[in-house]
């Protein structure tokens, strides 16, 4: 949806969960010397100014990365994530936040390939300026749902995918399931990570994890959800978010088991903040 701008939400609790999982997947992929291709279907701008108008409108980052920035008791996966944000931000106070493309490119090796899709013309221009000239990176101003299958399988046979649309269109839910099905048909062993919002007023968001795990990926699935708030009086608002990872790294469950309780405690906006962690193994 071309009206959506992630800059309003950069660095919030949903970004924390998504990027902790993303970096864990990348660390695992980097264990093997053989190169891989990573495809990001909804890349956004690549990086965000937290002192700018968009991010400052609701200051959502204050309840996400802002709550972790100065802590010294971070679990290892969260510490790794905060260190990656610091590397992007530079020394001093928190001013900028890396999107998934910037985090991914910094974590990947020079031999690995990164393919980014972003439809919004302004965000596409910012994305090109942020990472477009990095060796091994290709940026498309195109629909990532439609373009994903064409990027698989990579020549080396190793691949991973991140799908995190805005879900402002109800059709995004069905499009996500369709894109994952097509990706797994092209590369059955691909690690596919899907982010989704926890929205009481949209039953599609509650059904999405079940629809994804029903695809029966070859190496199983993992579902992690972080609930930090509750809907407003009319049932609207994002209470939290989740990640479904198909063909997940075998280390991911243990890492998240040590991480999600911490995030629920320190990012929770209500006393009932909680988490869910389940997997097929």
Protein backbone atom coordinates (compact mmCIF):
# COMPACT_ATOMS: atom_id res chain seq x y z
CA UNK A 1 0.00 0.00 0.00
CA UNK A 2 1.64 3.22 -1.16
CA UNK A 3 0.19 5.34 1.69
CA UNK A 4 2.06 3.34 4.32
CA UNK A 5 5.36 4.71 5.66
CA UNK A 6 7.28 2.57 8.13
CA UNK A 7 9.10 5.66 9.43
CA UNK A 8 6.12 6.26 11.77
CA UNK A 9 6.82 2.93 13.49
CA UNK A 10 10.59 2.50 13.18
CA UNK A 11 12.23 0.95 16.22
CA UNK A 12 8.98 0.03 18.00
CA UNK A 13 8.32 -3.24 19.85
CA UNK A 14 7.39 -4.99 16.60
CA UNK A 15 10.69 -4.00 15.00
CA UNK A 16 12.54 -5.29 18.06
CA UNK A 17 10.96 -8.75 17.75
CA UNK A 18 11.34 -8.87 13.98
CA UNK A 19 14.97 -7.81 14.01
CA UNK A 20 16.01 -10.05 16.90
CA UNK A 21 14.65 -13.01 14.91
CA UNK A 22 16.17 -11.73 11.66
CA UNK A 23 19.67 -11.45 13.11
CA UNK A 24 19.40 -14.91 14.65
CA UNK A 25 18.53 -16.35 11.24
CA UNK A 26 21.45 -14.54 9.62
CA UNK A 27 23.92 -15.70 12.26
CA UNK A 28 22.84 -19.27 11.56
CA UNK A 29 23.12 -18.89 7.78
CA UNK A 30 26.62 -17.46 8.19
CA UNK A 31 27.79 -20.65 9.93
CA UNK A 32 28.23 -22.33 6.54
CA UNK A 33 30.77 -21.02 4.06
CA UNK A 34 28.46 -21.54 1.07
CA UNK A 35 26.88 -18.23 -0.03
CA UNK A 36 23.14 -17.62 0.14
CA UNK A 37 20.60 -15.16 -1.25
CA UNK A 38 18.32 -13.20 1.09
CA UNK A 39 15.10 -11.71 -0.31
CA UNK A 40 13.22 -8.93 1.50
CA UNK A 41 9.80 -8.45 -0.09
CA UNK A 42 8.82 -5.20 1.67
CA UNK A 43 12.12 -3.50 2.39
CA UNK A 44 11.06 0.02 3.31
CA UNK A 45 13.53 2.90 3.34
CA UNK A 46 16.49 1.01 4.77
CA UNK A 47 17.11 3.43 7.63
CA UNK A 48 15.14 5.99 9.63
CA UNK A 49 15.81 9.25 11.47
CA UNK A 50 14.25 8.98 14.92
CA UNK A 51 14.52 12.72 15.48
CA UNK A 52 12.53 13.40 12.31
CA UNK A 53 8.87 14.30 11.91
CA UNK A 54 7.60 10.84 11.00
CA UNK A 55 9.22 8.97 13.91
CA UNK A 56 8.50 11.76 16.37
CA UNK A 57 4.77 11.85 15.65
CA UNK A 58 4.03 8.97 18.03
CA UNK A 59 7.61 8.24 19.19
CA UNK A 60 6.93 4.51 19.01
CA UNK A 61 10.66 3.80 19.18
CA UNK A 62 10.65 4.97 22.81
CA UNK A 63 8.68 1.86 23.75
CA UNK A 64 10.91 -0.40 21.66
CA UNK A 65 14.64 0.11 21.08
CA UNK A 66 14.49 3.10 23.45
CA UNK A 67 13.76 0.81 26.41
CA UNK A 68 16.75 -1.39 25.61
CA UNK A 69 19.31 1.22 24.58
CA UNK A 70 21.04 1.76 27.93
CA UNK A 71 20.38 -1.59 29.60
CA UNK A 72 23.33 -3.72 30.69
CA UNK A 73 21.44 -6.97 31.39
CA UNK A 74 20.43 -7.87 27.83
CA UNK A 75 20.17 -11.55 26.83
CA UNK A 76 22.76 -12.43 24.19
CA UNK A 77 20.41 -12.25 21.14
CA UNK A 78 19.05 -8.88 22.29
CA UNK A 79 22.56 -7.60 23.02
CA UNK A 80 23.57 -8.59 19.49
CA UNK A 81 20.57 -6.71 18.10
CA UNK A 82 21.27 -3.56 20.13
CA UNK A 83 24.94 -3.69 19.07
CA UNK A 84 23.83 -3.81 15.43
CA UNK A 85 21.61 -0.76 15.95
CA UNK A 86 24.51 1.05 17.66
CA UNK A 87 26.78 0.26 14.70
CA UNK A 88 24.23 1.93 12.40
CA UNK A 89 23.49 4.83 14.77
CA UNK A 90 27.09 5.67 15.61
CA UNK A 91 28.36 6.93 18.97
CA UNK A 92 26.18 9.05 21.20
CA UNK A 93 22.43 9.09 21.85
CA UNK A 94 19.89 7.14 19.84
CA UNK A 95 19.15 9.15 16.70
CA UNK A 96 18.74 6.70 13.83
CA UNK A 97 17.37 3.22 13.36
CA UNK A 98 18.29 0.66 10.69
CA UNK A 99 15.57 -1.02 8.71
CA UNK A 100 15.76 -4.69 7.86
CA UNK A 101 17.84 -4.06 4.69
CA UNK A 102 20.58 -2.21 6.56
CA UNK A 103 20.69 -4.79 9.35
CA UNK A 104 20.73 -7.64 6.85
CA UNK A 105 23.44 -6.18 4.64
CA UNK A 106 25.71 -5.50 7.62
CA UNK A 107 25.24 -9.06 8.93
CA UNK A 108 25.80 -10.80 5.59
CA UNK A 109 29.15 -11.71 4.06
CA UNK A 110 30.42 -10.08 0.87
CA UNK A 111 29.80 -13.35 -0.96
CA UNK A 112 26.08 -13.38 -0.08
CA UNK A 113 23.42 -11.73 -2.21
CA UNK A 114 20.66 -9.39 -1.00
CA UNK A 115 17.54 -8.75 -3.09
CA UNK A 116 15.23 -5.94 -1.95
CA UNK A 117 11.74 -4.98 -3.13
CA UNK A 118 10.06 -1.66 -2.28
CA UNK A 119 7.14 -0.15 -4.23
CA UNK A 120 6.81 3.28 -2.56
CA UNK A 121 8.75 5.73 -4.77
CA UNK A 122 10.05 7.87 -1.90
CA UNK A 123 11.10 4.90 0.22
CA UNK A 124 12.62 3.21 -2.83
CA UNK A 125 14.81 6.28 -3.44
CA UNK A 126 15.90 6.31 0.21
CA UNK A 127 16.59 2.58 0.06
CA UNK A 128 18.80 2.95 -3.01
CA UNK A 129 20.70 5.76 -1.28
CA UNK A 130 21.11 3.64 1.86
CA UNK A 131 22.26 0.29 0.45
CA UNK A 132 21.86 0.38 -3.31
CA UNK A 133 25.55 0.70 -4.12
CA UNK A 134 26.61 -2.11 -1.77
CA UNK A 135 28.18 -5.02 -3.68
CA UNK A 136 25.87 -8.00 -3.94
CA UNK A 137 22.71 -5.91 -3.38
CA UNK A 138 19.90 -5.53 -5.92
CA UNK A 139 17.01 -3.11 -5.34
CA UNK A 140 13.73 -3.31 -7.24
CA UNK A 141 10.91 -0.78 -7.26
CA UNK A 142 8.32 -3.51 -7.64
CA UNK A 143 5.78 -5.69 -5.85
CA UNK A 144 7.71 -8.08 -3.63
CA UNK A 145 4.84 -10.56 -3.52
CA UNK A 146 4.99 -10.91 -7.29
CA UNK A 147 8.77 -10.80 -7.55
CA UNK A 148 9.75 -13.25 -4.81
CA UNK A 149 9.41 -16.52 -6.71
CA UNK A 150 11.54 -15.17 -9.56
CA UNK A 151 14.48 -14.83 -7.17
CA UNK A 152 14.37 -18.49 -6.18
CA UNK A 153 16.15 -20.79 -6.26
CA UNK A 154 19.51 -18.96 -6.18
CA UNK A 155 22.37 -20.51 -8.09
CA UNK A 156 24.02 -21.80 -4.91
CA UNK A 157 20.84 -23.40 -3.60
CA UNK A 158 20.76 -21.56 -0.25
CA UNK A 159 18.13 -18.92 0.36
CA UNK A 160 16.15 -17.04 3.00
CA UNK A 161 13.17 -14.72 2.83
CA UNK A 162 11.66 -11.96 4.98
CA UNK A 163 8.02 -11.00 4.34
CA UNK A 164 6.61 -8.13 6.40
CA UNK A 165 3.97 -6.12 4.55
CA UNK A 166 1.96 -3.41 6.27
CA UNK A 167 -1.22 -5.55 6.22
CA UNK A 168 -3.21 -2.35 5.74
CA UNK A 169 -4.87 -4.16 2.83
CA UNK A 170 -6.84 -7.26 3.84
CA UNK A 171 -5.57 -8.92 0.69
CA UNK A 172 -2.03 -8.83 2.13
CA UNK A 173 -2.82 -11.85 4.32
CA UNK A 174 -3.79 -14.09 1.42
CA UNK A 175 -0.96 -12.68 -0.67
CA UNK A 176 1.51 -13.58 2.09
CA UNK A 177 0.36 -17.20 2.23
CA UNK A 178 0.44 -17.44 -1.56
CA UNK A 179 3.96 -15.96 -1.74
CA UNK A 180 5.26 -18.35 0.94
CA UNK A 181 3.71 -21.33 -0.84
CA UNK A 182 5.35 -20.28 -4.12
CA UNK A 183 8.71 -19.70 -2.43
CA UNK A 184 8.73 -23.13 -0.80
CA UNK A 185 7.75 -24.72 -4.11
CA UNK A 186 10.82 -23.14 -5.72
CA UNK A 187 13.18 -23.74 -2.78
CA UNK A 188 11.76 -26.24 -0.22
CA UNK A 189 14.61 -25.68 2.27
CA UNK A 190 14.40 -21.88 2.23
CA UNK A 191 14.22 -20.20 5.64
CA UNK A 192 11.09 -18.03 5.35
CA UNK A 193 10.37 -15.51 8.13
CA UNK A 194 6.97 -13.80 8.15
CA UNK A 195 6.07 -10.92 10.45
CA UNK A 196 2.43 -10.20 11.29
CA UNK A 197 0.55 -7.72 13.55
CA UNK A 198 -1.62 -8.82 16.45
CA UNK A 199 -4.93 -7.07 15.72
CA UNK A 200 -8.15 -7.94 17.52
CA UNK A 201 -10.30 -6.28 14.85
CA UNK A 202 -8.78 -8.31 12.01
CA UNK A 203 -9.38 -12.06 12.39
CA UNK A 204 -7.08 -12.58 9.42
CA UNK A 205 -4.11 -11.74 11.63
CA UNK A 206 -5.05 -14.49 14.11
CA UNK A 207 -5.52 -17.04 11.31
CA UNK A 208 -2.28 -16.26 9.49
CA UNK A 209 0.08 -18.36 11.69
CA UNK A 210 -2.15 -21.43 11.27
CA UNK A 211 -2.36 -20.93 7.51
CA UNK A 212 1.42 -20.64 7.24
CA UNK A 213 2.25 -23.65 9.42
CA UNK A 214 -0.31 -25.70 7.46
CA UNK A 215 2.01 -25.42 4.46
CA UNK A 216 4.08 -28.13 6.20
CA UNK A 217 7.60 -26.90 5.44
CA UNK A 218 10.22 -29.61 5.05
CA UNK A 219 12.13 -28.68 8.22
CA UNK A 220 9.20 -27.64 10.37
CA UNK A 221 8.10 -24.28 11.71
CA UNK A 222 8.40 -21.92 14.68
CA UNK A 223 5.92 -19.31 15.89
CA UNK A 224 6.87 -16.51 18.30
CA UNK A 225 4.47 -13.81 19.48
CA UNK A 226 5.08 -10.84 21.77
CA UNK A 227 2.00 -9.17 23.30
CA UNK A 228 2.85 -5.83 24.88
CA UNK A 229 -0.49 -4.03 25.06
CA UNK A 230 -4.20 -4.40 24.46
CA UNK A 231 -6.72 -3.00 21.96
CA UNK A 232 -8.45 0.29 22.69
CA UNK A 233 -12.05 0.49 23.90
CA UNK A 234 -13.31 0.02 20.34
CA UNK A 235 -11.16 -3.05 19.74
CA UNK A 236 -8.60 -1.30 17.55
CA UNK A 237 -4.84 -0.96 17.92
CA UNK A 238 -1.91 -3.34 17.67
CA UNK A 239 -1.50 -5.33 20.88
CA UNK A 240 1.71 -6.95 19.70
CA UNK A 241 3.14 -8.88 16.80
CA UNK A 242 4.48 -12.25 15.84
CA UNK A 243 6.97 -14.05 13.66
CA UNK A 244 6.38 -17.34 11.88
CA UNK A 245 9.59 -18.95 10.65
CA UNK A 246 9.36 -21.87 8.24
CA UNK A 247 12.39 -24.17 8.05
CA UNK A 248 13.76 -22.37 11.14
CA UNK A 249 17.37 -22.66 12.32
CA UNK A 250 17.54 -25.37 14.96
CA UNK A 251 19.02 -22.87 17.45
CA UNK A 252 16.20 -20.36 17.13
CA UNK A 253 13.78 -21.88 19.65
CA UNK A 254 16.36 -21.94 22.46
CA UNK A 255 17.45 -18.38 21.68
CA UNK A 256 13.89 -17.09 21.76
CA UNK A 257 13.06 -19.08 24.92
CA UNK A 258 15.78 -17.06 26.64
CA UNK A 259 14.75 -13.80 24.99
CA UNK A 260 10.96 -13.49 24.87
CA UNK A 261 10.40 -13.39 28.66
CA UNK A 262 12.87 -10.51 28.87
CA UNK A 263 11.21 -8.60 26.04
CA UNK A 264 7.74 -9.12 27.52
CA UNK A 265 8.97 -7.75 30.85
CA UNK A 266 10.79 -4.71 29.51
CA UNK A 267 8.67 -3.79 26.48
CA UNK A 268 5.28 -4.48 28.06
CA UNK A 269 2.88 -1.55 28.13
CA UNK A 270 0.33 -3.28 30.38
CA UNK A 271 0.63 -5.65 33.37
CA UNK A 272 -0.58 -8.55 31.23
CA UNK A 273 2.25 -8.38 28.70
CA UNK A 274 3.09 -11.89 27.56
CA UNK A 275 4.69 -14.07 24.91
CA UNK A 276 4.02 -17.27 23.01
CA UNK A 277 6.62 -19.67 21.65
CA UNK A 278 5.65 -22.85 19.84
CA UNK A 279 7.17 -25.05 17.17
CA UNK A 280 6.65 -28.27 15.29
CA UNK A 281 9.63 -29.92 17.02
